[in-house]
Amino acid sequence: MTREEIRRLFDFALDHFTQYKREDLETIAQSWEKELTDIPYKKGRFAVFNLLSKSYTFPTAEEIIKVAKELNIY
């Protein structure tokens, strides 16, 4: 994914957690930008959607990668 695509996905996820502001999760945003560049956007989006439907916490880059691998889409 490009940095812009990662930011778009991050913002989408952030919309699901209204108790947080971007500033609160800046470390996670930086982690996403660093670690998710090898995942195609469509696959990353699928993993994020999957995590958002099952989790009560904001998804980390590691969780996204793990779900992508488990779903055989990495």
PDB file of N, CA and C in Angstrom:
ATOM      1  N   MET A   1       0.841  -1.178   0.000  1.00  0.00           N
ATOM      2  CA  MET A   1       0.000   0.000   0.000  1.00  0.00           C
ATOM      3  C   MET A   1       0.884   1.237   0.000  1.00  0.00           C
ATOM      4  N   THR A   2       0.353   2.282  -0.564  1.00  0.00           N
ATOM      5  CA  THR A   2       1.034   3.564  -0.498  1.00  0.00           C
ATOM      6  C   THR A   2       0.715   4.217   0.847  1.00  0.00           C
ATOM      7  N   ARG A   3       1.469   5.240   1.164  1.00  0.00           N
ATOM      8  CA  ARG A   3       1.227   5.952   2.423  1.00  0.00           C
ATOM      9  C   ARG A   3      -0.189   6.533   2.440  1.00  0.00           C
ATOM     10  N   GLU A   4      -0.618   7.052   1.312  1.00  0.00           N
ATOM     11  CA  GLU A   4      -1.960   7.628   1.225  1.00  0.00           C
ATOM     12  C   GLU A   4      -3.037   6.566   1.448  1.00  0.00           C
ATOM     13  N   GLU A   5      -2.862   5.392   0.877  1.00  0.00           N
ATOM     14  CA  GLU A   5      -3.826   4.309   1.068  1.00  0.00           C
ATOM     15  C   GLU A   5      -3.865   3.858   2.525  1.00  0.00           C
ATOM     16  N   ILE A   6      -2.699   3.780   3.140  1.00  0.00           N
ATOM     17  CA  ILE A   6      -2.634   3.391   4.552  1.00  0.00           C
ATOM     18  C   ILE A   6      -3.349   4.427   5.415  1.00  0.00           C
ATOM     19  N   ARG A   7      -3.111   5.692   5.143  1.00  0.00           N
ATOM     20  CA  ARG A   7      -3.778   6.760   5.905  1.00  0.00           C
ATOM     21  C   ARG A   7      -5.297   6.704   5.725  1.00  0.00           C
ATOM     22  N   ARG A   8      -5.733   6.409   4.505  1.00  0.00           N
ATOM     23  CA  ARG A   8      -7.171   6.305   4.229  1.00  0.00           C
ATOM     24  C   ARG A   8      -7.790   5.166   5.047  1.00  0.00           C
ATOM     25  N   LEU A   9      -7.113   4.025   5.074  1.00  0.00           N
ATOM     26  CA  LEU A   9      -7.594   2.886   5.868  1.00  0.00           C
ATOM     27  C   LEU A   9      -7.576   3.214   7.356  1.00  0.00           C
ATOM     28  N   PHE A  10      -6.513   3.887   7.784  1.00  0.00           N
ATOM     29  CA  PHE A  10      -6.399   4.278   9.190  1.00  0.00           C
ATOM     30  C   PHE A  10      -7.563   5.191   9.576  1.00  0.00           C
ATOM     31  N   ASP A  11      -7.851   6.167   8.719  1.00  0.00           N
ATOM     32  CA  ASP A  11      -8.956   7.085   8.998  1.00  0.00           C
ATOM     33  C   ASP A  11     -10.289   6.344   9.042  1.00  0.00           C
ATOM     34  N   PHE A  12     -10.462   5.369   8.157  1.00  0.00           N
ATOM     35  CA  PHE A  12     -11.682   4.559   8.176  1.00  0.00           C
ATOM     36  C   PHE A  12     -11.808   3.830   9.513  1.00  0.00           C
ATOM     37  N   ALA A  13     -10.721   3.202   9.953  1.00  0.00           N
ATOM     38  CA  ALA A  13     -10.737   2.490  11.237  1.00  0.00           C
ATOM     39  C   ALA A  13     -10.989   3.467  12.386  1.00  0.00           C
ATOM     40  N   LEU A  14     -10.383   4.631  12.301  1.00  0.00           N
ATOM     41  CA  LEU A  14     -10.540   5.637  13.353  1.00  0.00           C
ATOM     42  C   LEU A  14     -11.999   6.083  13.488  1.00  0.00           C
ATOM     43  N   ASP A  15     -12.724   6.109  12.378  1.00  0.00           N
ATOM     44  CA  ASP A  15     -14.144   6.475  12.421  1.00  0.00           C
ATOM     45  C   ASP A  15     -14.969   5.494  13.247  1.00  0.00           C
ATOM     46  N   HIS A  16     -14.486   4.276  13.407  1.00  0.00           N
ATOM     47  CA  HIS A  16     -15.199   3.265  14.193  1.00  0.00           C
ATOM     48  C   HIS A  16     -14.912   3.375  15.693  1.00  0.00           C
ATOM     49  N   PHE A  17     -13.923   4.157  16.038  1.00  0.00           N
ATOM     50  CA  PHE A  17     -13.542   4.333  17.445  1.00  0.00           C
ATOM     51  C   PHE A  17     -13.631   5.814  17.783  1.00  0.00           C
ATOM     52  N   THR A  18     -14.841   6.286  17.987  1.00  0.00           N
ATOM     53  CA  THR A  18     -15.074   7.715  18.182  1.00  0.00           C
ATOM     54  C   THR A  18     -14.465   8.253  19.473  1.00  0.00           C
ATOM     55  N   GLN A  19     -14.083   7.375  20.362  1.00  0.00           N
ATOM     56  CA  GLN A  19     -13.479   7.832  21.615  1.00  0.00           C
ATOM     57  C   GLN A  19     -12.028   8.285  21.424  1.00  0.00           C
ATOM     58  N   TYR A  20     -11.444   7.986  20.256  1.00  0.00           N
ATOM     59  CA  TYR A  20     -10.056   8.355  19.985  1.00  0.00           C
ATOM     60  C   TYR A  20      -9.972   9.498  18.991  1.00  0.00           C
ATOM     61  N   LYS A  21      -8.886  10.241  19.100  1.00  0.00           N
ATOM     62  CA  LYS A  21      -8.518  11.238  18.097  1.00  0.00           C
ATOM     63  C   LYS A  21      -7.246  10.740  17.430  1.00  0.00           C
ATOM     64  N   ARG A  22      -6.979  11.242  16.231  1.00  0.00           N
ATOM     65  CA  ARG A  22      -5.778  10.819  15.510  1.00  0.00           C
ATOM     66  C   ARG A  22      -4.527  10.996  16.377  1.00  0.00           C
ATOM     67  N   GLU A  23      -4.449  12.076  17.119  1.00  0.00           N
ATOM     68  CA  GLU A  23      -3.275  12.339  17.954  1.00  0.00           C
ATOM     69  C   GLU A  23      -3.075  11.244  19.001  1.00  0.00           C
ATOM     70  N   ASP A  24      -4.171  10.681  19.481  1.00  0.00           N
ATOM     71  CA  ASP A  24      -4.094   9.620  20.489  1.00  0.00           C
ATOM     72  C   ASP A  24      -3.439   8.360  19.935  1.00  0.00           C
ATOM     73  N   LEU A  25      -3.569   8.150  18.633  1.00  0.00           N
ATOM     74  CA  LEU A  25      -3.109   6.908  18.015  1.00  0.00           C
ATOM     75  C   LEU A  25      -1.972   7.134  17.021  1.00  0.00           C
ATOM     76  N   GLU A  26      -1.255   8.220  17.171  1.00  0.00           N
ATOM     77  CA  GLU A  26      -0.197   8.547  16.210  1.00  0.00           C
ATOM     78  C   GLU A  26       0.882   7.470  16.142  1.00  0.00           C
ATOM     79  N   THR A  27       1.205   6.853  17.258  1.00  0.00           N
ATOM     80  CA  THR A  27       2.202   5.775  17.255  1.00  0.00           C
ATOM     81  C   THR A  27       1.719   4.597  16.419  1.00  0.00           C
ATOM     82  N   ILE A  28       0.447   4.260  16.549  1.00  0.00           N
ATOM     83  CA  ILE A  28      -0.107   3.169  15.741  1.00  0.00           C
ATOM     84  C   ILE A  28      -0.127   3.572  14.268  1.00  0.00           C
ATOM     85  N   ALA A  29      -0.473   4.816  13.967  1.00  0.00           N
ATOM     86  CA  ALA A  29      -0.476   5.290  12.580  1.00  0.00           C
ATOM     87  C   ALA A  29       0.914   5.157  11.965  1.00  0.00           C
ATOM     88  N   GLN A  30       1.936   5.527  12.709  1.00  0.00           N
ATOM     89  CA  GLN A  30       3.308   5.408  12.215  1.00  0.00           C
ATOM     90  C   GLN A  30       3.683   3.950  12.001  1.00  0.00           C
ATOM     91  N   SER A  31       3.237   3.081  12.890  1.00  0.00           N
ATOM     92  CA  SER A  31       3.495   1.651  12.752  1.00  0.00           C
ATOM     93  C   SER A  31       2.830   1.111  11.486  1.00  0.00           C
ATOM     94  N   TRP A  32       1.590   1.510  11.259  1.00  0.00           N
ATOM     95  CA  TRP A  32       0.893   1.078  10.044  1.00  0.00           C
ATOM     96  C   TRP A  32       1.686   1.504   8.811  1.00  0.00           C
ATOM     97  N   GLU A  33       2.113   2.773   8.782  1.00  0.00           N
ATOM     98  CA  GLU A  33       2.841   3.294   7.621  1.00  0.00           C
ATOM     99  C   GLU A  33       4.143   2.548   7.387  1.00  0.00           C
ATOM    100  N   LYS A  34       4.763   2.129   8.440  1.00  0.00           N
ATOM    101  CA  LYS A  34       6.048   1.437   8.331  1.00  0.00           C
ATOM    102  C   LYS A  34       5.882  -0.031   7.943  1.00  0.00           C
ATOM    103  N   GLU A  35       4.891  -0.702   8.511  1.00  0.00           N
ATOM    104  CA  GLU A  35       4.798  -2.157   8.392  1.00  0.00           C
ATOM    105  C   GLU A  35       3.836  -2.674   7.326  1.00  0.00           C
ATOM    106  N   LEU A  36       2.950  -1.846   6.821  1.00  0.00           N
ATOM    107  CA  LEU A  36       1.931  -2.348   5.899  1.00  0.00           C
ATOM    108  C   LEU A  36       2.212  -2.047   4.429  1.00  0.00           C
ATOM    109  N   THR A  37       3.385  -1.567   4.121  1.00  0.00           N
ATOM    110  CA  THR A  37       3.690  -1.200   2.739  1.00  0.00           C
ATOM    111  C   THR A  37       3.752  -2.395   1.796  1.00  0.00           C
ATOM    112  N   ASP A  38       3.982  -3.588   2.313  1.00  0.00           N
ATOM    113  CA  ASP A  38       4.083  -4.781   1.466  1.00  0.00           C
ATOM    114  C   ASP A  38       2.731  -5.431   1.173  1.00  0.00           C
ATOM    115  N   ILE A  39       1.685  -4.955   1.796  1.00  0.00           N
ATOM    116  CA  ILE A  39       0.363  -5.551   1.602  1.00  0.00           C
ATOM    117  C   ILE A  39      -0.397  -4.728   0.556  1.00  0.00           C
ATOM    118  N   PRO A  40      -0.945  -5.369  -0.462  1.00  0.00           N
ATOM    119  CA  PRO A  40      -1.773  -4.632  -1.428  1.00  0.00           C
ATOM    120  C   PRO A  40      -2.989  -4.009  -0.735  1.00  0.00           C
ATOM    121  N   TYR A  41      -3.430  -2.875  -1.243  1.00  0.00           N
ATOM    122  CA  TYR A  41      -4.518  -2.127  -0.610  1.00  0.00           C
ATOM    123  C   TYR A  41      -5.775  -2.969  -0.414  1.00  0.00           C
ATOM    124  N   LYS A  42      -6.220  -3.657  -1.448  1.00  0.00           N
ATOM    125  CA  LYS A  42      -7.465  -4.435  -1.341  1.00  0.00           C
ATOM    126  C   LYS A  42      -7.367  -5.506  -0.260  1.00  0.00           C
ATOM    127  N   LYS A  43      -6.216  -6.127  -0.140  1.00  0.00           N
ATOM    128  CA  LYS A  43      -6.034  -7.166   0.879  1.00  0.00           C
ATOM    129  C   LYS A  43      -5.957  -6.553   2.271  1.00  0.00           C
ATOM    130  N   GLY A  44      -5.274  -5.428   2.382  1.00  0.00           N
ATOM    131  CA  GLY A  44      -5.200  -4.739   3.665  1.00  0.00           C
ATOM    132  C   GLY A  44      -6.559  -4.242   4.112  1.00  0.00           C
ATOM    133  N   ARG A  45      -7.321  -3.734   3.173  1.00  0.00           N
ATOM    134  CA  ARG A  45      -8.670  -3.258   3.482  1.00  0.00           C
ATOM    135  C   ARG A  45      -9.547  -4.406   3.981  1.00  0.00           C
ATOM    136  N   PHE A  46      -9.458  -5.549   3.323  1.00  0.00           N
ATOM    137  CA  PHE A  46     -10.232  -6.716   3.744  1.00  0.00           C
ATOM    138  C   PHE A  46      -9.859  -7.118   5.170  1.00  0.00           C
ATOM    139  N   ALA A  47      -8.565  -7.127   5.481  1.00  0.00           N
ATOM    140  CA  ALA A  47      -8.110  -7.502   6.820  1.00  0.00           C
ATOM    141  C   ALA A  47      -8.598  -6.496   7.865  1.00  0.00           C
ATOM    142  N   VAL A  48      -8.521  -5.204   7.550  1.00  0.00           N
ATOM    143  CA  VAL A  48      -8.985  -4.177   8.492  1.00  0.00           C
ATOM    144  C   VAL A  48     -10.488  -4.319   8.723  1.00  0.00           C
ATOM    145  N   PHE A  49     -11.260  -4.500   7.662  1.00  0.00           N
ATOM    146  CA  PHE A  49     -12.707  -4.674   7.812  1.00  0.00           C
ATOM    147  C   PHE A  49     -13.005  -5.888   8.681  1.00  0.00           C
ATOM    148  N   ASN A  50     -12.272  -6.964   8.455  1.00  0.00           N
ATOM    149  CA  ASN A  50     -12.457  -8.185   9.226  1.00  0.00           C
ATOM    150  C   ASN A  50     -12.193  -7.925  10.707  1.00  0.00           C
ATOM    151  N   LEU A  51     -11.098  -7.246  11.004  1.00  0.00           N
ATOM    152  CA  LEU A  51     -10.756  -6.949  12.401  1.00  0.00           C
ATOM    153  C   LEU A  51     -11.784  -6.025  13.048  1.00  0.00           C
ATOM    154  N   LEU A  52     -12.236  -5.028  12.309  1.00  0.00           N
ATOM    155  CA  LEU A  52     -13.208  -4.092  12.873  1.00  0.00           C
ATOM    156  C   LEU A  52     -14.527  -4.775  13.203  1.00  0.00           C
ATOM    157  N   SER A  53     -14.859  -5.804  12.461  1.00  0.00           N
ATOM    158  CA  SER A  53     -16.124  -6.498  12.712  1.00  0.00           C
ATOM    159  C   SER A  53     -16.058  -7.427  13.918  1.00  0.00           C
ATOM    160  N   LYS A  54     -14.844  -7.747  14.375  1.00  0.00           N
ATOM    161  CA  LYS A  54     -14.694  -8.725  15.453  1.00  0.00           C
ATOM    162  C   LYS A  54     -14.031  -8.180  16.714  1.00  0.00           C
ATOM    163  N   SER A  55     -13.435  -7.011  16.635  1.00  0.00           N
ATOM    164  CA  SER A  55     -12.603  -6.537  17.732  1.00  0.00           C
ATOM    165  C   SER A  55     -13.179  -5.284  18.378  1.00  0.00           C
ATOM    166  N   TYR A  56     -12.862  -5.119  19.645  1.00  0.00           N
ATOM    167  CA  TYR A  56     -13.255  -3.917  20.366  1.00  0.00           C
ATOM    168  C   TYR A  56     -12.082  -2.968  20.572  1.00  0.00           C
ATOM    169  N   THR A  57     -10.929  -3.332  20.021  1.00  0.00           N
ATOM    170  CA  THR A  57      -9.749  -2.484  20.138  1.00  0.00           C
ATOM    171  C   THR A  57      -9.276  -2.071  18.752  1.00  0.00           C
ATOM    172  N   PHE A  58      -8.530  -0.981  18.702  1.00  0.00           N
ATOM    173  CA  PHE A  58      -8.027  -0.479  17.424  1.00  0.00           C
ATOM    174  C   PHE A  58      -6.999  -1.460  16.868  1.00  0.00           C
ATOM    175  N   PRO A  59      -7.119  -1.849  15.600  1.00  0.00           N
ATOM    176  CA  PRO A  59      -6.213  -2.856  15.041  1.00  0.00           C
ATOM    177  C   PRO A  59      -4.778  -2.341  14.902  1.00  0.00           C
ATOM    178  N   THR A  60      -3.837  -3.184  15.271  1.00  0.00           N
ATOM    179  CA  THR A  60      -2.425  -2.857  15.098  1.00  0.00           C
ATOM    180  C   THR A  60      -1.952  -3.410  13.759  1.00  0.00           C
ATOM    181  N   ALA A  61      -0.798  -2.953  13.316  1.00  0.00           N
ATOM    182  CA  ALA A  61      -0.224  -3.461  12.066  1.00  0.00           C
ATOM    183  C   ALA A  61       0.001  -4.960  12.154  1.00  0.00           C
ATOM    184  N   GLU A  62       0.457  -5.424  13.295  1.00  0.00           N
ATOM    185  CA  GLU A  62       0.718  -6.854  13.479  1.00  0.00           C
ATOM    186  C   GLU A  62      -0.562  -7.671  13.331  1.00  0.00           C
ATOM    187  N   GLU A  63      -1.654  -7.162  13.882  1.00  0.00           N
ATOM    188  CA  GLU A  63      -2.936  -7.868  13.768  1.00  0.00           C
ATOM    189  C   GLU A  63      -3.408  -7.919  12.317  1.00  0.00           C
ATOM    190  N   ILE A  64      -3.228  -6.821  11.605  1.00  0.00           N
ATOM    191  CA  ILE A  64      -3.639  -6.775  10.197  1.00  0.00           C
ATOM    192  C   ILE A  64      -2.849  -7.793   9.384  1.00  0.00           C
ATOM    193  N   ILE A  65      -1.545  -7.842   9.600  1.00  0.00           N
ATOM    194  CA  ILE A  65      -0.697  -8.803   8.887  1.00  0.00           C
ATOM    195  C   ILE A  65      -1.106 -10.227   9.235  1.00  0.00           C
ATOM    196  N   LYS A  66      -1.353 -10.481  10.514  1.00  0.00           N
ATOM    197  CA  LYS A  66      -1.737 -11.828  10.947  1.00  0.00           C
ATOM    198  C   LYS A  66      -3.048 -12.262  10.294  1.00  0.00           C
ATOM    199  N   VAL A  67      -4.042 -11.387  10.304  1.00  0.00           N
ATOM    200  CA  VAL A  67      -5.329 -11.727   9.695  1.00  0.00           C
ATOM    201  C   VAL A  67      -5.162 -11.946   8.194  1.00  0.00           C
ATOM    202  N   ALA A  68      -4.384 -11.110   7.557  1.00  0.00           N
ATOM    203  CA  ALA A  68      -4.150 -11.271   6.121  1.00  0.00           C
ATOM    204  C   ALA A  68      -3.530 -12.632   5.826  1.00  0.00           C
ATOM    205  N   LYS A  69      -2.586 -13.055   6.656  1.00  0.00           N
ATOM    206  CA  LYS A  69      -1.960 -14.371   6.461  1.00  0.00           C
ATOM    207  C   LYS A  69      -2.941 -15.499   6.743  1.00  0.00           C
ATOM    208  N   GLU A  70      -3.711 -15.384   7.814  1.00  0.00           N
ATOM    209  CA  GLU A  70      -4.676 -16.423   8.173  1.00  0.00           C
ATOM    210  C   GLU A  70      -5.752 -16.585   7.108  1.00  0.00           C
ATOM    211  N   LEU A  71      -6.128 -15.490   6.495  1.00  0.00           N
ATOM    212  CA  LEU A  71      -7.160 -15.528   5.465  1.00  0.00           C
ATOM    213  C   LEU A  71      -6.571 -15.830   4.092  1.00  0.00           C
ATOM    214  N   ASN A  72      -5.286 -16.105   4.083  1.00  0.00           N
ATOM    215  CA  ASN A  72      -4.588 -16.474   2.857  1.00  0.00           C
ATOM    216  C   ASN A  72      -4.664 -15.373   1.804  1.00  0.00           C
ATOM    217  N   ILE A  73      -4.596 -14.121   2.264  1.00  0.00           N
ATOM    218  CA  ILE A  73      -4.661 -13.007   1.325  1.00  0.00           C
ATOM    219  C   ILE A  73      -3.419 -12.135   1.375  1.00  0.00           C
ATOM    220  N   TYR A  74      -2.409 -12.511   2.127  1.00  0.00           N
ATOM    221  CA  TYR A  74      -1.193 -11.705   2.264  1.00  0.00           C
ATOM    222  C   TYR A  74      -0.343 -11.827   1.039  1.00  0.00           C
TER     223      TYR A  74
END
